[in-house]
Full PDB file with SEQRES, HELIX, SHEET, SSBOND, CRYST1, ORIGX, SCALE, CONECT and MASTER records, all heavy atoms in Angstrom:
SEQRES   1 A   30  LYS LYS GLU LYS SER PRO SER GLN ASP PRO LEU VAL TYR          
SEQRES   2 A   30  ASN VAL ALA ASP GLU GLU THR GLU TRP LEU GLN SER PHE          
SEQRES   3 A   30  LEU LEU LEU LEU                                              
HELIX    1 AA1 VAL A   15  LEU A   29  1                                  15    
CRYST1    1.000    1.000    1.000  90.00  90.00  90.00 P 1           1          
ORIGX1      1.000000  0.000000  0.000000        0.00000                         
ORIGX2      0.000000  1.000000  0.000000        0.00000                         
ORIGX3      0.000000  0.000000  1.000000        0.00000                         
SCALE1      1.000000  0.000000  0.000000        0.00000                         
SCALE2      0.000000  1.000000  0.000000        0.00000                         
SCALE3      0.000000  0.000000  1.000000        0.00000                         
ATOM      1  N   LYS A   1       0.825  -1.193   0.001  1.00  0.00           N  
ATOM      2  CA  LYS A   1      -0.012   0.011  -0.006  1.00  0.00           C  
ATOM      3  C   LYS A   1       0.853   1.255   0.007  1.00  0.00           C  
ATOM      4  O   LYS A   1       0.607   2.217  -0.697  1.00  0.00           O  
ATOM      5  CB  LYS A   1      -0.903   0.033   1.226  1.00  0.00           C  
ATOM      6  CG  LYS A   1      -2.159  -0.734   1.117  1.00  0.00           C  
ATOM      7  CD  LYS A   1      -2.978  -0.512   2.387  1.00  0.00           C  
ATOM      8  CE  LYS A   1      -4.289  -1.186   2.361  1.00  0.00           C  
ATOM      9  NZ  LYS A   1      -5.031  -1.003   3.603  1.00  0.00           N  
ATOM     10  N   LYS A   2       1.936   1.239   0.821  1.00  0.00           N  
ATOM     11  CA  LYS A   2       2.819   2.389   0.917  1.00  0.00           C  
ATOM     12  C   LYS A   2       3.549   2.642  -0.362  1.00  0.00           C  
ATOM     13  O   LYS A   2       3.874   3.772  -0.700  1.00  0.00           O  
ATOM     14  CB  LYS A   2       3.781   2.209   2.084  1.00  0.00           C  
ATOM     15  CG  LYS A   2       3.161   2.298   3.447  1.00  0.00           C  
ATOM     16  CD  LYS A   2       4.181   2.055   4.549  1.00  0.00           C  
ATOM     17  CE  LYS A   2       3.559   2.026   5.896  1.00  0.00           C  
ATOM     18  NZ  LYS A   2       4.511   1.745   6.957  1.00  0.00           N  
ATOM     19  N   GLU A   3       3.892   1.585  -1.049  1.00  0.00           N  
ATOM     20  CA  GLU A   3       4.703   1.714  -2.274  1.00  0.00           C  
ATOM     21  C   GLU A   3       3.942   1.995  -3.541  1.00  0.00           C  
ATOM     22  O   GLU A   3       4.520   2.092  -4.612  1.00  0.00           O  
ATOM     23  CB  GLU A   3       5.537   0.397  -2.458  1.00  0.00           C  
ATOM     24  CG  GLU A   3       6.623   0.238  -1.425  1.00  0.00           C  
ATOM     25  CD  GLU A   3       7.379  -1.030  -1.631  1.00  0.00           C  
ATOM     26  OE1 GLU A   3       7.013  -1.840  -2.482  1.00  0.00           O  
ATOM     27  OE2 GLU A   3       8.445  -1.176  -0.930  1.00  0.00           O  
ATOM     28  N   LYS A   4       2.643   2.114  -3.445  1.00  0.00           N  
ATOM     29  CA  LYS A   4       1.810   2.401  -4.641  1.00  0.00           C  
ATOM     30  C   LYS A   4       1.851   3.869  -4.994  1.00  0.00           C  
ATOM     31  O   LYS A   4       0.823   4.530  -5.022  1.00  0.00           O  
ATOM     32  CB  LYS A   4       0.388   1.942  -4.415  1.00  0.00           C  
ATOM     33  CG  LYS A   4       0.195   0.467  -4.537  1.00  0.00           C  
ATOM     34  CD  LYS A   4      -1.261   0.122  -4.540  1.00  0.00           C  
ATOM     35  CE  LYS A   4      -1.424  -1.372  -4.724  1.00  0.00           C  
ATOM     36  NZ  LYS A   4      -2.802  -1.794  -4.748  1.00  0.00           N  
ATOM     37  N   SER A   5       3.044   4.375  -5.197  1.00  0.00           N  
ATOM     38  CA  SER A   5       3.155   5.780  -5.590  1.00  0.00           C  
ATOM     39  C   SER A   5       3.639   5.838  -7.002  1.00  0.00           C  
ATOM     40  O   SER A   5       4.503   5.090  -7.439  1.00  0.00           O  
ATOM     41  CB  SER A   5       4.134   6.515  -4.669  1.00  0.00           C  
ATOM     42  OG  SER A   5       5.425   5.942  -4.774  1.00  0.00           O  
ATOM     43  N   PRO A   6       3.102   6.773  -7.822  1.00  0.00           N  
ATOM     44  CA  PRO A   6       3.473   6.812  -9.230  1.00  0.00           C  
ATOM     45  C   PRO A   6       4.769   7.556  -9.483  1.00  0.00           C  
ATOM     46  O   PRO A   6       4.967   8.215 -10.460  1.00  0.00           O  
ATOM     47  CB  PRO A   6       2.279   7.589  -9.876  1.00  0.00           C  
ATOM     48  CG  PRO A   6       1.782   8.456  -8.765  1.00  0.00           C  
ATOM     49  CD  PRO A   6       2.034   7.670  -7.496  1.00  0.00           C  
ATOM     50  N   SER A   7       5.735   7.475  -8.507  1.00  0.00           N  
ATOM     51  CA  SER A   7       6.974   8.194  -8.645  1.00  0.00           C  
ATOM     52  C   SER A   7       7.950   7.568  -9.637  1.00  0.00           C  
ATOM     53  O   SER A   7       8.821   8.223 -10.159  1.00  0.00           O  
ATOM     54  CB  SER A   7       7.689   8.343  -7.274  1.00  0.00           C  
ATOM     55  OG  SER A   7       7.979   7.048  -6.800  1.00  0.00           O  
ATOM     56  N   GLN A   8       7.813   6.272  -9.932  1.00  0.00           N  
ATOM     57  CA  GLN A   8       8.707   5.616 -10.832  1.00  0.00           C  
ATOM     58  C   GLN A   8       8.219   5.748 -12.271  1.00  0.00           C  
ATOM     59  O   GLN A   8       7.006   5.736 -12.568  1.00  0.00           O  
ATOM     60  CB  GLN A   8       8.843   4.145 -10.529  1.00  0.00           C  
ATOM     61  CG  GLN A   8       9.514   3.901  -9.184  1.00  0.00           C  
ATOM     62  CD  GLN A   8       9.648   2.395  -8.921  1.00  0.00           C  
ATOM     63  OE1 GLN A   8       9.020   1.584  -9.611  1.00  0.00           O  
ATOM     64  NE2 GLN A   8      10.448   2.074  -7.932  1.00  0.00           N  
ATOM     65  N   ASP A   9       9.162   5.919 -13.216  1.00  0.00           N  
ATOM     66  CA  ASP A   9       8.844   6.007 -14.616  1.00  0.00           C  
ATOM     67  C   ASP A   9       8.483   4.676 -15.149  1.00  0.00           C  
ATOM     68  O   ASP A   9       9.296   3.755 -15.106  1.00  0.00           O  
ATOM     69  CB  ASP A   9      10.008   6.605 -15.371  1.00  0.00           C  
ATOM     70  CG  ASP A   9       9.743   6.905 -16.825  1.00  0.00           C  
ATOM     71  OD1 ASP A   9       8.543   6.870 -17.184  1.00  0.00           O  
ATOM     72  OD2 ASP A   9      10.686   7.197 -17.550  1.00  0.00           O  
ATOM     73  N   PRO A  10       7.289   4.466 -15.728  1.00  0.00           N  
ATOM     74  CA  PRO A  10       6.920   3.128 -16.192  1.00  0.00           C  
ATOM     75  C   PRO A  10       7.717   2.677 -17.406  1.00  0.00           C  
ATOM     76  O   PRO A  10       7.759   1.480 -17.709  1.00  0.00           O  
ATOM     77  CB  PRO A  10       5.426   3.256 -16.522  1.00  0.00           C  
ATOM     78  CG  PRO A  10       5.178   4.740 -16.730  1.00  0.00           C  
ATOM     79  CD  PRO A  10       6.203   5.427 -15.886  1.00  0.00           C  
ATOM     80  N   LEU A  11       8.411   3.608 -18.097  1.00  0.00           N  
ATOM     81  CA  LEU A  11       9.189   3.212 -19.246  1.00  0.00           C  
ATOM     82  C   LEU A  11      10.527   2.593 -18.862  1.00  0.00           C  
ATOM     83  O   LEU A  11      11.122   1.825 -19.672  1.00  0.00           O  
ATOM     84  CB  LEU A  11       9.428   4.448 -20.160  1.00  0.00           C  
ATOM     85  CG  LEU A  11       8.189   5.088 -20.715  1.00  0.00           C  
ATOM     86  CD1 LEU A  11       8.568   6.319 -21.500  1.00  0.00           C  
ATOM     87  CD2 LEU A  11       7.422   4.107 -21.617  1.00  0.00           C  
ATOM     88  N   VAL A  12      11.022   2.898 -17.681  1.00  0.00           N  
ATOM     89  CA  VAL A  12      12.292   2.346 -17.229  1.00  0.00           C  
ATOM     90  C   VAL A  12      11.999   1.137 -16.351  1.00  0.00           C  
ATOM     91  O   VAL A  12      11.451   1.178 -15.297  1.00  0.00           O  
ATOM     92  CB  VAL A  12      13.050   3.392 -16.358  1.00  0.00           C  
ATOM     93  CG1 VAL A  12      14.373   2.797 -15.878  1.00  0.00           C  
ATOM     94  CG2 VAL A  12      13.325   4.655 -17.174  1.00  0.00           C  
ATOM     95  N   TYR A  13      12.342  -0.077 -16.919  1.00  0.00           N  
ATOM     96  CA  TYR A  13      12.067  -1.313 -16.245  1.00  0.00           C  
ATOM     97  C   TYR A  13      13.351  -2.148 -16.211  1.00  0.00           C  
ATOM     98  O   TYR A  13      13.989  -2.332 -17.215  1.00  0.00           O  
ATOM     99  CB  TYR A  13      10.955  -2.070 -17.004  1.00  0.00           C  
ATOM    100  CG  TYR A  13      10.622  -3.396 -16.359  1.00  0.00           C  
ATOM    101  CD1 TYR A  13       9.867  -3.434 -15.232  1.00  0.00           C  
ATOM    102  CD2 TYR A  13      11.059  -4.592 -16.942  1.00  0.00           C  
ATOM    103  CE1 TYR A  13       9.577  -4.673 -14.666  1.00  0.00           C  
ATOM    104  CE2 TYR A  13      10.800  -5.775 -16.403  1.00  0.00           C  
ATOM    105  CZ  TYR A  13       9.998  -5.844 -15.236  1.00  0.00           C  
ATOM    106  OH  TYR A  13       9.678  -7.031 -14.664  1.00  0.00           O  
ATOM    107  N   ASN A  14      13.684  -2.586 -15.006  1.00  0.00           N  
ATOM    108  CA  ASN A  14      14.915  -3.341 -14.866  1.00  0.00           C  
ATOM    109  C   ASN A  14      14.611  -4.591 -14.051  1.00  0.00           C  
ATOM    110  O   ASN A  14      14.066  -4.518 -12.960  1.00  0.00           O  
ATOM    111  CB  ASN A  14      15.971  -2.502 -14.138  1.00  0.00           C  
ATOM    112  CG  ASN A  14      17.313  -3.170 -14.176  1.00  0.00           C  
ATOM    113  OD1 ASN A  14      17.473  -4.309 -14.513  1.00  0.00           O  
ATOM    114  ND2 ASN A  14      18.353  -2.351 -13.833  1.00  0.00           N  
ATOM    115  N   VAL A  15      14.870  -5.745 -14.612  1.00  0.00           N  
ATOM    116  CA  VAL A  15      14.564  -7.031 -13.970  1.00  0.00           C  
ATOM    117  C   VAL A  15      15.382  -7.170 -12.687  1.00  0.00           C  
ATOM    118  O   VAL A  15      14.917  -7.685 -11.679  1.00  0.00           O  
ATOM    119  CB  VAL A  15      14.841  -8.217 -14.911  1.00  0.00           C  
ATOM    120  CG1 VAL A  15      14.629  -9.532 -14.204  1.00  0.00           C  
ATOM    121  CG2 VAL A  15      13.936  -8.114 -16.135  1.00  0.00           C  
ATOM    122  N   ALA A  16      16.638  -6.717 -12.700  1.00  0.00           N  
ATOM    123  CA  ALA A  16      17.520  -6.833 -11.552  1.00  0.00           C  
ATOM    124  C   ALA A  16      16.938  -6.041 -10.364  1.00  0.00           C  
ATOM    125  O   ALA A  16      16.989  -6.520  -9.246  1.00  0.00           O  
ATOM    126  CB  ALA A  16      18.916  -6.343 -11.864  1.00  0.00           C  
ATOM    127  N   ASP A  17      16.338  -4.884 -10.644  1.00  0.00           N  
ATOM    128  CA  ASP A  17      15.714  -4.086  -9.565  1.00  0.00           C  
ATOM    129  C   ASP A  17      14.528  -4.851  -8.959  1.00  0.00           C  
ATOM    130  O   ASP A  17      14.339  -4.822  -7.742  1.00  0.00           O  
ATOM    131  CB  ASP A  17      15.270  -2.725 -10.102  1.00  0.00           C  
ATOM    132  CG  ASP A  17      16.424  -1.798 -10.410  1.00  0.00           C  
ATOM    133  OD1 ASP A  17      17.547  -2.042  -9.894  1.00  0.00           O  
ATOM    134  OD2 ASP A  17      16.249  -0.840 -11.188  1.00  0.00           O  
ATOM    135  N   GLU A  18      13.781  -5.495  -9.830  1.00  0.00           N  
ATOM    136  CA  GLU A  18      12.602  -6.246  -9.334  1.00  0.00           C  
ATOM    137  C   GLU A  18      13.031  -7.397  -8.453  1.00  0.00           C  
ATOM    138  O   GLU A  18      12.471  -7.637  -7.408  1.00  0.00           O  
ATOM    139  CB  GLU A  18      11.795  -6.739 -10.520  1.00  0.00           C  
ATOM    140  CG  GLU A  18      10.523  -7.467 -10.084  1.00  0.00           C  
ATOM    141  CD  GLU A  18       9.706  -7.903 -11.262  1.00  0.00           C  
ATOM    142  OE1 GLU A  18       9.479  -7.072 -12.177  1.00  0.00           O  
ATOM    143  OE2 GLU A  18       9.278  -9.068 -11.272  1.00  0.00           O  
ATOM    144  N   GLU A  19      14.075  -8.119  -8.883  1.00  0.00           N  
ATOM    145  CA  GLU A  19      14.581  -9.265  -8.078  1.00  0.00           C  
ATOM    146  C   GLU A  19      15.178  -8.776  -6.773  1.00  0.00           C  
ATOM    147  O   GLU A  19      14.966  -9.380  -5.738  1.00  0.00           O  
ATOM    148  CB  GLU A  19      15.659 -10.029  -8.877  1.00  0.00           C  
ATOM    149  CG  GLU A  19      15.093 -10.806 -10.038  1.00  0.00           C  
ATOM    150  CD  GLU A  19      14.106 -11.878  -9.590  1.00  0.00           C  
ATOM    151  OE1 GLU A  19      14.364 -12.550  -8.571  1.00  0.00           O  
ATOM    152  OE2 GLU A  19      13.068 -12.032 -10.242  1.00  0.00           O  
ATOM    153  N   THR A  20      15.873  -7.655  -6.764  1.00  0.00           N  
ATOM    154  CA  THR A  20      16.455  -7.091  -5.557  1.00  0.00           C  
ATOM    155  C   THR A  20      15.327  -6.650  -4.586  1.00  0.00           C  
ATOM    156  O   THR A  20      15.430  -6.862  -3.433  1.00  0.00           O  
ATOM    157  CB  THR A  20      17.369  -5.913  -5.917  1.00  0.00           C  
ATOM    158  OG1 THR A  20      18.353  -6.367  -6.814  1.00  0.00           O  
ATOM    159  CG2 THR A  20      18.023  -5.379  -4.669  1.00  0.00           C  
ATOM    160  N   GLU A  21      14.309  -6.031  -5.162  1.00  0.00           N  
ATOM    161  CA  GLU A  21      13.198  -5.625  -4.337  1.00  0.00           C  
ATOM    162  C   GLU A  21      12.512  -6.817  -3.675  1.00  0.00           C  
ATOM    163  O   GLU A  21      12.204  -6.777  -2.485  1.00  0.00           O  
ATOM    164  CB  GLU A  21      12.137  -4.866  -5.194  1.00  0.00           C  
ATOM    165  CG  GLU A  21      12.319  -3.383  -5.229  1.00  0.00           C  
ATOM    166  CD  GLU A  21      11.194  -2.733  -5.972  1.00  0.00           C  
ATOM    167  OE1 GLU A  21      10.013  -3.109  -5.762  1.00  0.00           O  
ATOM    168  OE2 GLU A  21      11.484  -1.840  -6.776  1.00  0.00           O  
ATOM    169  N   TRP A  22      12.321  -7.888  -4.425  1.00  0.00           N  
ATOM    170  CA  TRP A  22      11.678  -9.078  -3.907  1.00  0.00           C  
ATOM    171  C   TRP A  22      12.521  -9.635  -2.751  1.00  0.00           C  
ATOM    172  O   TRP A  22      12.016 -10.011  -1.706  1.00  0.00           O  
ATOM    173  CB  TRP A  22      11.490 -10.113  -4.958  1.00  0.00           C  
ATOM    174  CG  TRP A  22      10.888 -11.393  -4.451  1.00  0.00           C  
ATOM    175  CD1 TRP A  22       9.584 -11.655  -4.283  1.00  0.00           C  
ATOM    176  CD2 TRP A  22      11.611 -12.542  -3.994  1.00  0.00           C  
ATOM    177  NE1 TRP A  22       9.393 -12.905  -3.767  1.00  0.00           N  
ATOM    178  CE2 TRP A  22      10.633 -13.463  -3.545  1.00  0.00           C  
ATOM    179  CE3 TRP A  22      12.945 -12.866  -3.866  1.00  0.00           C  
ATOM    180  CZ2 TRP A  22      10.996 -14.725  -3.033  1.00  0.00           C  
ATOM    181  CZ3 TRP A  22      13.276 -14.130  -3.357  1.00  0.00           C  
ATOM    182  CH2 TRP A  22      12.286 -14.995  -2.946  1.00  0.00           C  
ATOM    183  N   LEU A  23      13.826  -9.717  -2.968  1.00  0.00           N  
ATOM    184  CA  LEU A  23      14.733 -10.278  -1.956  1.00  0.00           C  
ATOM    185  C   LEU A  23      14.746  -9.383  -0.686  1.00  0.00           C  
ATOM    186  O   LEU A  23      14.677  -9.853   0.436  1.00  0.00           O  
ATOM    187  CB  LEU A  23      16.125 -10.425  -2.506  1.00  0.00           C  
ATOM    188  CG  LEU A  23      17.187 -10.998  -1.573  1.00  0.00           C  
ATOM    189  CD1 LEU A  23      16.800 -12.413  -1.124  1.00  0.00           C  
ATOM    190  CD2 LEU A  23      18.538 -11.002  -2.195  1.00  0.00           C  
ATOM    191  N   GLN A  24      14.781  -8.096  -0.906  1.00  0.00           N  
ATOM    192  CA  GLN A  24      14.797  -7.135   0.240  1.00  0.00           C  
ATOM    193  C   GLN A  24      13.471  -7.265   1.018  1.00  0.00           C  
ATOM    194  O   GLN A  24      13.471  -7.276   2.230  1.00  0.00           O  
ATOM    195  CB  GLN A  24      14.971  -5.705  -0.237  1.00  0.00           C  
ATOM    196  CG  GLN A  24      16.406  -5.404  -0.663  1.00  0.00           C  
ATOM    197  CD  GLN A  24      16.549  -4.027  -1.228  1.00  0.00           C  
ATOM    198  OE1 GLN A  24      15.544  -3.357  -1.510  1.00  0.00           O  
ATOM    199  NE2 GLN A  24      17.757  -3.569  -1.380  1.00  0.00           N  
ATOM    200  N   SER A  25      12.367  -7.394   0.317  1.00  0.00           N  
ATOM    201  CA  SER A  25      11.075  -7.515   0.975  1.00  0.00           C  
ATOM    202  C   SER A  25      11.010  -8.828   1.766  1.00  0.00           C  
ATOM    203  O   SER A  25      10.567  -8.836   2.898  1.00  0.00           O  
ATOM    204  CB  SER A  25       9.964  -7.526  -0.065  1.00  0.00           C  
ATOM    205  OG  SER A  25       9.899  -6.343  -0.721  1.00  0.00           O  
ATOM    206  N   PHE A  26      11.504  -9.901   1.156  1.00  0.00           N  
ATOM    207  CA  PHE A  26      11.476 -11.205   1.837  1.00  0.00           C  
ATOM    208  C   PHE A  26      12.341 -11.151   3.079  1.00  0.00           C  
ATOM    209  O   PHE A  26      11.926 -11.600   4.185  1.00  0.00           O  
ATOM    210  CB  PHE A  26      11.981 -12.287   0.904  1.00  0.00           C  
ATOM    211  CG  PHE A  26      12.140 -13.611   1.565  1.00  0.00           C  
ATOM    212  CD1 PHE A  26      11.052 -14.366   1.911  1.00  0.00           C  
ATOM    213  CD2 PHE A  26      13.389 -14.076   1.913  1.00  0.00           C  
ATOM    214  CE1 PHE A  26      11.170 -15.585   2.535  1.00  0.00           C  
ATOM    215  CE2 PHE A  26      13.554 -15.301   2.556  1.00  0.00           C  
ATOM    216  CZ  PHE A  26      12.445 -16.039   2.896  1.00  0.00           C  
ATOM    217  N   LEU A  27      13.551 -10.600   2.979  1.00  0.00           N  
ATOM    218  CA  LEU A  27      14.446 -10.551   4.141  1.00  0.00           C  
ATOM    219  C   LEU A  27      13.927  -9.637   5.238  1.00  0.00           C  
ATOM    220  O   LEU A  27      14.062  -9.939   6.440  1.00  0.00           O  
ATOM    221  CB  LEU A  27      15.855 -10.102   3.699  1.00  0.00           C  
ATOM    222  CG  LEU A  27      16.600 -11.083   2.823  1.00  0.00           C  
ATOM    223  CD1 LEU A  27      17.938 -10.523   2.341  1.00  0.00           C  
ATOM    224  CD2 LEU A  27      16.861 -12.408   3.570  1.00  0.00           C  
ATOM    225  N   LEU A  28      13.285  -8.561   4.858  1.00  0.00           N  
ATOM    226  CA  LEU A  28      12.691  -7.661   5.835  1.00  0.00           C  
ATOM    227  C   LEU A  28      11.547  -8.358   6.569  1.00  0.00           C  
ATOM    228  O   LEU A  28      11.447  -8.274   7.809  1.00  0.00           O  
ATOM    229  CB  LEU A  28      12.141  -6.385   5.171  1.00  0.00           C  
ATOM    230  CG  LEU A  28      11.485  -5.388   6.078  1.00  0.00           C  
ATOM    231  CD1 LEU A  28      12.495  -4.780   7.053  1.00  0.00           C  
ATOM    232  CD2 LEU A  28      10.850  -4.268   5.261  1.00  0.00           C  
ATOM    233  N   LEU A  29      10.687  -9.064   5.862  1.00  0.00           N  
ATOM    234  CA  LEU A  29       9.565  -9.807   6.483  1.00  0.00           C  
ATOM    235  C   LEU A  29      10.125 -10.885   7.399  1.00  0.00           C  
ATOM    236  O   LEU A  29       9.649 -11.115   8.506  1.00  0.00           O  
ATOM    237  CB  LEU A  29       8.665 -10.433   5.425  1.00  0.00           C  
ATOM    238  CG  LEU A  29       7.737  -9.483   4.709  1.00  0.00           C  
ATOM    239  CD1 LEU A  29       7.067 -10.218   3.569  1.00  0.00           C  
ATOM    240  CD2 LEU A  29       6.726  -8.884   5.651  1.00  0.00           C  
ATOM    241  N   LEU A  30      11.158 -11.586   6.944  1.00  0.00           N  
ATOM    242  CA  LEU A  30      11.772 -12.622   7.760  1.00  0.00           C  
ATOM    243  C   LEU A  30      12.358 -12.054   9.045  1.00  0.00           C  
ATOM    244  O   LEU A  30      12.129 -12.555  10.152  1.00  0.00           O  
ATOM    245  CB  LEU A  30      12.827 -13.341   6.958  1.00  0.00           C  
ATOM    246  CG  LEU A  30      13.593 -14.488   7.695  1.00  0.00           C  
ATOM    247  CD1 LEU A  30      12.600 -15.624   7.964  1.00  0.00           C  
ATOM    248  CD2 LEU A  30      14.720 -14.995   6.832  1.00  0.00           C  
TER     249      LEU A  30                                                      
MASTER        0    0    0    1    0    0    0    6  248    1    0    3          
END                                                                             
């Protein structure tokens, strides 16, 4: 909910950023 901000440019997409975000989220929850 907190991260649903339109601050990121939808044209710039990086798979590495998505994987890093997932790992960071998982480790934070753990």
